[in-house]
C-alpha atoms as a PDB file:
ATOM      1  CA  UNK A   1     105.181  94.622  97.455  1.00  0.00           C
ATOM      2  CA  UNK A   2     103.712  93.670 100.752  1.00  0.00           C
ATOM      3  CA  UNK A   3     102.817  89.957 101.620  1.00  0.00           C
ATOM      4  CA  UNK A   4      99.241  89.108 100.895  1.00  0.00           C
ATOM      5  CA  UNK A   5      96.976  88.771 103.969  1.00  0.00           C
ATOM      6  CA  UNK A   6      96.775  84.923 104.804  1.00  0.00           C
ATOM      7  CA  UNK A   7      93.285  83.472 104.282  1.00  0.00           C
ATOM      8  CA  UNK A   8      91.762  82.047 107.584  1.00  0.00           C
ATOM      9  CA  UNK A   9      89.081  79.278 108.069  1.00  0.00           C
ATOM     10  CA  UNK A  10      86.197  81.539 107.418  1.00  0.00           C
ATOM     11  CA  UNK A  11      87.521  82.382 103.932  1.00  0.00           C
ATOM     12  CA  UNK A  12      87.786  78.608 103.027  1.00  0.00           C
ATOM     13  CA  UNK A  13      84.113  78.049 104.207  1.00  0.00           C
ATOM     14  CA  UNK A  14      82.950  81.110 102.409  1.00  0.00           C
ATOM     15  CA  UNK A  15      84.716  79.945  99.296  1.00  0.00           C
ATOM     16  CA  UNK A  16      83.359  76.400  99.212  1.00  0.00           C
ATOM     17  CA  UNK A  17      79.997  77.780 100.130  1.00  0.00           C
ATOM     18  CA  UNK A  18      80.052  79.817  97.001  1.00  0.00           C
ATOM     19  CA  UNK A  19      81.392  77.180  94.626  1.00  0.00           C
ATOM     20  CA  UNK A  20      79.761  73.938  95.806  1.00  0.00           C
ATOM     21  CA  UNK A  21      76.205  75.125  95.043  1.00  0.00           C
ATOM     22  CA  UNK A  22      77.453  76.770  91.835  1.00  0.00           C
ATOM     23  CA  UNK A  23      79.026  73.546  90.588  1.00  0.00           C
ATOM     24  CA  UNK A  24      76.131  71.296  91.727  1.00  0.00           C
ATOM     25  CA  UNK A  25      73.551  73.364  90.073  1.00  0.00           C
ATOM     26  CA  UNK A  26      75.518  73.762  86.847  1.00  0.00           C
ATOM     27  CA  UNK A  27      76.528  70.157  86.378  1.00  0.00           C
ATOM     28  CA  UNK A  28      73.867  68.183  88.173  1.00  0.00           C
ATOM     29  CA  UNK A  29      70.942  70.655  87.825  1.00  0.00           C
ATOM     30  CA  UNK A  30      70.114  70.293  91.557  1.00  0.00           C
ATOM     31  CA  UNK A  31      70.290  72.922  94.336  1.00  0.00           C
ATOM     32  CA  UNK A  32      73.037  72.428  97.111  1.00  0.00           C
ATOM     33  CA  UNK A  33      72.209  74.188 100.400  1.00  0.00           C
ATOM     34  CA  UNK A  34      75.161  74.933 102.589  1.00  0.00           C
ATOM     35  CA  UNK A  35      75.043  74.301 106.399  1.00  0.00           C
ATOM     36  CA  UNK A  36      76.605  76.351 108.946  1.00  0.00           C
ATOM     37  CA  UNK A  37      80.185  75.163 108.534  1.00  0.00           C
ATOM     38  CA  UNK A  38      82.698  74.141 111.034  1.00  0.00           C
ATOM     39  CA  UNK A  39      85.982  76.062 111.340  1.00  0.00           C
ATOM     40  CA  UNK A  40      87.831  73.713 113.688  1.00  0.00           C
ATOM     41  CA  UNK A  41      87.005  70.396 112.230  1.00  0.00           C
ATOM     42  CA  UNK A  42      88.527  67.385 114.233  1.00  0.00           C
ATOM     43  CA  UNK A  43      91.329  65.232 112.862  1.00  0.00           C
ATOM     44  CA  UNK A  44      91.378  62.391 112.141  1.00  0.00           C
ATOM     45  CA  UNK A  45      87.732  62.140 110.851  1.00  0.00           C
ATOM     46  CA  UNK A  46      86.013  59.049 109.421  1.00  0.00           C
ATOM     47  CA  UNK A  47      84.020  59.290 106.319  1.00  0.00           C
ATOM     48  CA  UNK A  48      81.690  56.792 104.740  1.00  0.00           C
ATOM     49  CA  UNK A  49      80.545  56.235 101.159  1.00  0.00           C
ATOM     50  CA  UNK A  50      82.246  57.610  98.073  1.00  0.00           C
ATOM     51  CA  UNK A  51      84.958  60.316  98.685  1.00  0.00           C
ATOM     52  CA  UNK A  52      86.955  62.398  96.145  1.00  0.00           C
ATOM     53  CA  UNK A  53      90.182  63.824  97.207  1.00  0.00           C
ATOM     54  CA  UNK A  54      92.461  66.297  95.554  1.00  0.00           C
ATOM     55  CA  UNK A  55      95.880  67.693  96.899  1.00  0.00           C
ATOM     56  CA  UNK A  56      97.068  71.239  96.947  1.00  0.00           C
ATOM     57  CA  UNK A  57     100.845  72.084  96.836  1.00  0.00           C
ATOM     58  CA  UNK A  58     102.612  75.447  96.777  1.00  0.00           C
ATOM     59  CA  UNK A  59     101.900  78.339  98.944  1.00  0.00           C
ATOM     60  CA  UNK A  60      98.914  76.409 100.220  1.00  0.00           C
ATOM     61  CA  UNK A  61      99.623  72.631 101.031  1.00  0.00           C
ATOM     62  CA  UNK A  62      96.799  70.246 101.970  1.00  0.00           C
ATOM     63  CA  UNK A  63      93.965  68.194 100.752  1.00  0.00           C
ATOM     64  CA  UNK A  64      90.221  68.720  99.925  1.00  0.00           C
ATOM     65  CA  UNK A  65      87.684  65.795 100.340  1.00  0.00           C
ATOM     66  CA  UNK A  66      84.259  65.559  98.822  1.00  0.00           C
ATOM     67  CA  UNK A  67      82.382  62.830 100.699  1.00  0.00           C
ATOM     68  CA  UNK A  68      79.066  61.429  99.330  1.00  0.00           C
ATOM     69  CA  UNK A  69      76.953  58.564 100.669  1.00  0.00           C
ATOM     70  CA  UNK A  70      76.785  55.732  98.377  1.00  0.00           C
ATOM     71  CA  UNK A  71      73.068  56.635  97.530  1.00  0.00           C
ATOM     72  CA  UNK A  72      73.910  60.421  96.949  1.00  0.00           C
ATOM     73  CA  UNK A  73      76.892  59.632  94.743  1.00  0.00           C
ATOM     74  CA  UNK A  74      74.636  57.303  92.439  1.00  0.00           C
ATOM     75  CA  UNK A  75      71.900  60.037  92.530  1.00  0.00           C
ATOM     76  CA  UNK A  76      74.078  62.642  91.269  1.00  0.00           C
ATOM     77  CA  UNK A  77      75.745  60.476  88.804  1.00  0.00           C
ATOM     78  CA  UNK A  78      72.494  59.447  87.226  1.00  0.00           C
ATOM     79  CA  UNK A  79      71.337  63.082  87.048  1.00  0.00           C
ATOM     80  CA  UNK A  80      74.377  64.016  85.153  1.00  0.00           C
ATOM     81  CA  UNK A  81      74.234  60.898  82.850  1.00  0.00           C
ATOM     82  CA  UNK A  82      70.605  61.068  82.416  1.00  0.00           C
ATOM     83  CA  UNK A  83      70.129  57.528  83.131  1.00  0.00           C
ATOM     84  CA  UNK A  84      71.579  54.520  85.058  1.00  0.00           C
ATOM     85  CA  UNK A  85      75.017  54.778  86.381  1.00  0.00           C
ATOM     86  CA  UNK A  86      77.437  51.928  86.838  1.00  0.00           C
ATOM     87  CA  UNK A  87      80.170  51.932  89.535  1.00  0.00           C
ATOM     88  CA  UNK A  88      82.778  53.300  87.275  1.00  0.00           C
ATOM     89  CA  UNK A  89      80.455  56.130  86.151  1.00  0.00           C
ATOM     90  CA  UNK A  90      79.868  57.083  89.847  1.00  0.00           C
ATOM     91  CA  UNK A  91      83.565  57.253  90.593  1.00  0.00           C
ATOM     92  CA  UNK A  92      84.125  59.299  87.575  1.00  0.00           C
ATOM     93  CA  UNK A  93      81.494  61.757  88.411  1.00  0.00           C
ATOM     94  CA  UNK A  94      82.675  62.143  91.829  1.00  0.00           C
ATOM     95  CA  UNK A  95      86.228  62.692  90.642  1.00  0.00           C
ATOM     96  CA  UNK A  96      85.137  65.418  88.088  1.00  0.00           C
ATOM     97  CA  UNK A  97      82.822  67.250  90.679  1.00  0.00           C
ATOM     98  CA  UNK A  98      85.744  67.216  93.147  1.00  0.00           C
ATOM     99  CA  UNK A  99      88.117  68.709  90.511  1.00  0.00           C
ATOM    100  CA  UNK A 100      85.636  71.485  89.644  1.00  0.00           C
ATOM    101  CA  UNK A 101      84.957  72.394  93.233  1.00  0.00           C
ATOM    102  CA  UNK A 102      88.682  72.383  94.349  1.00  0.00           C
ATOM    103  CA  UNK A 103      89.624  74.145  90.955  1.00  0.00           C
ATOM    104  CA  UNK A 104      87.604  77.120  91.943  1.00  0.00           C
ATOM    105  CA  UNK A 105      88.966  77.179  95.593  1.00  0.00           C
ATOM    106  CA  UNK A 106      92.523  77.009  93.809  1.00  0.00           C
ATOM    107  CA  UNK A 107      91.584  80.105  91.601  1.00  0.00           C
ATOM    108  CA  UNK A 108      90.460  82.053  94.627  1.00  0.00           C
ATOM    109  CA  UNK A 109      93.714  81.232  96.548  1.00  0.00           C
ATOM    110  CA  UNK A 110      95.830  82.239  93.445  1.00  0.00           C
ATOM    111  CA  UNK A 111      93.995  85.435  93.059  1.00  0.00           C
ATOM    112  CA  UNK A 112      94.953  86.327  96.547  1.00  0.00           C
ATOM    113  CA  UNK A 113      98.599  85.506  96.047  1.00  0.00           C
ATOM    114  CA  UNK A 114      98.630  82.003  97.294  1.00  0.00           C
ATOM    115  CA  UNK A 115      99.718  80.082  94.143  1.00  0.00           C
ATOM    116  CA  UNK A 116      99.201  76.366  94.349  1.00  0.00           C
ATOM    117  CA  UNK A 117      98.795  73.360  91.970  1.00  0.00           C
ATOM    118  CA  UNK A 118      96.404  70.499  92.207  1.00  0.00           C
ATOM    119  CA  UNK A 119      96.936  66.725  92.180  1.00  0.00           C
ATOM    120  CA  UNK A 120      95.030  64.423  90.025  1.00  0.00           C
ATOM    121  CA  UNK A 121      91.706  63.590  91.759  1.00  0.00           C
ATOM    122  CA  UNK A 122      91.489  60.245  93.373  1.00  0.00           C
ATOM    123  CA  UNK A 123      88.367  58.492  94.691  1.00  0.00           C
ATOM    124  CA  UNK A 124      88.066  56.031  97.629  1.00  0.00           C
ATOM    125  CA  UNK A 125      85.197  54.060  98.958  1.00  0.00           C
ATOM    126  CA  UNK A 126      84.521  52.561 102.259  1.00  0.00           C
ATOM    127  CA  UNK A 127      82.575  52.338 105.509  1.00  0.00           C
ATOM    128  CA  UNK A 128      85.138  53.899 107.563  1.00  0.00           C
ATOM    129  CA  UNK A 129      87.666  55.944 105.717  1.00  0.00           C
ATOM    130  CA  UNK A 130      89.919  57.761 108.080  1.00  0.00           C
ATOM    131  CA  UNK A 131      91.248  61.280 106.912  1.00  0.00           C
ATOM    132  CA  UNK A 132      93.689  63.723 108.318  1.00  0.00           C
ATOM    133  CA  UNK A 133      96.528  65.930 107.407  1.00  0.00           C
ATOM    134  CA  UNK A 134      99.434  66.096 109.801  1.00  0.00           C
ATOM    135  CA  UNK A 135     100.602  69.789 109.389  1.00  0.00           C
ATOM    136  CA  UNK A 136      97.063  71.418 108.646  1.00  0.00           C
ATOM    137  CA  UNK A 137      96.543  74.655 110.552  1.00  0.00           C
ATOM    138  CA  UNK A 138      93.181  75.077 108.766  1.00  0.00           C
ATOM    139  CA  UNK A 139      90.754  72.230 109.129  1.00  0.00           C
ATOM    140  CA  UNK A 140      87.161  73.258 108.005  1.00  0.00           C
ATOM    141  CA  UNK A 141      84.056  71.273 106.814  1.00  0.00           C
ATOM    142  CA  UNK A 142      80.651  71.995 105.645  1.00  0.00           C
ATOM    143  CA  UNK A 143      77.606  69.943 104.718  1.00  0.00           C
ATOM    144  CA  UNK A 144      75.395  70.636 101.821  1.00  0.00           C
ATOM    145  CA  UNK A 145      71.865  69.517 101.538  1.00  0.00           C
ATOM    146  CA  UNK A 146      71.331  68.299  97.921  1.00  0.00           C
ATOM    147  CA  UNK A 147      67.926  68.625  96.300  1.00  0.00           C
ATOM    148  CA  UNK A 148      66.124  65.316  95.972  1.00  0.00           C
ATOM    149  CA  UNK A 149      68.301  63.515  98.551  1.00  0.00           C
ATOM    150  CA  UNK A 150      67.970  62.859 102.321  1.00  0.00           C
ATOM    151  CA  UNK A 151      71.819  62.663 102.350  1.00  0.00           C
ATOM    152  CA  UNK A 152      74.155  65.601 102.288  1.00  0.00           C
ATOM    153  CA  UNK A 153      77.507  66.165 100.496  1.00  0.00           C
ATOM    154  CA  UNK A 154      80.248  66.951 102.934  1.00  0.00           C
ATOM    155  CA  UNK A 155      83.498  69.050 101.879  1.00  0.00           C
ATOM    156  CA  UNK A 156      86.532  69.031 104.141  1.00  0.00           C
ATOM    157  CA  UNK A 157      89.586  71.196 103.687  1.00  0.00           C
ATOM    158  CA  UNK A 158      92.743  70.358 105.605  1.00  0.00           C
ATOM    159  CA  UNK A 159      95.460  73.079 104.567  1.00  0.00           C
ATOM    160  CA  UNK A 160      98.582  74.836 105.864  1.00  0.00           C
ATOM    161  CA  UNK A 161      99.725  78.264 104.337  1.00  0.00           C
ATOM    162  CA  UNK A 162     103.317  79.277 103.781  1.00  0.00           C
END
């Protein structure tokens, strides 16, 4: 059986562009409009606000970040919960949305023969969170305009393929 063709940066952007709006619409009830995407995202990068992270290991190794401003993370959590959201609620919502987005990316990669497993989601907060992945050969990012917010959701993928 021939080796599967390795997915490139454009496939990663296409995949997150498919699933981010789907997850946000289904879970939050808001539209998420993708930007143009960056296929050569710089490392290290600085994020601000509330950031979810999930690692990939297997035929794809790397990490996916979902970065929300403080205001956007609270807005999304309150929409899901139907009312006020405390700090732990916000962190839990960011972790779960990250898990759903990255789970869909994983399924797409596995369907292409690039089996991988996911780590447990983690969430970090800060004004200058520096992120990078030393061995990543795929470094992509896209911003998503979220209905009802002036802030956007940023999704970053740092990955290397076997």
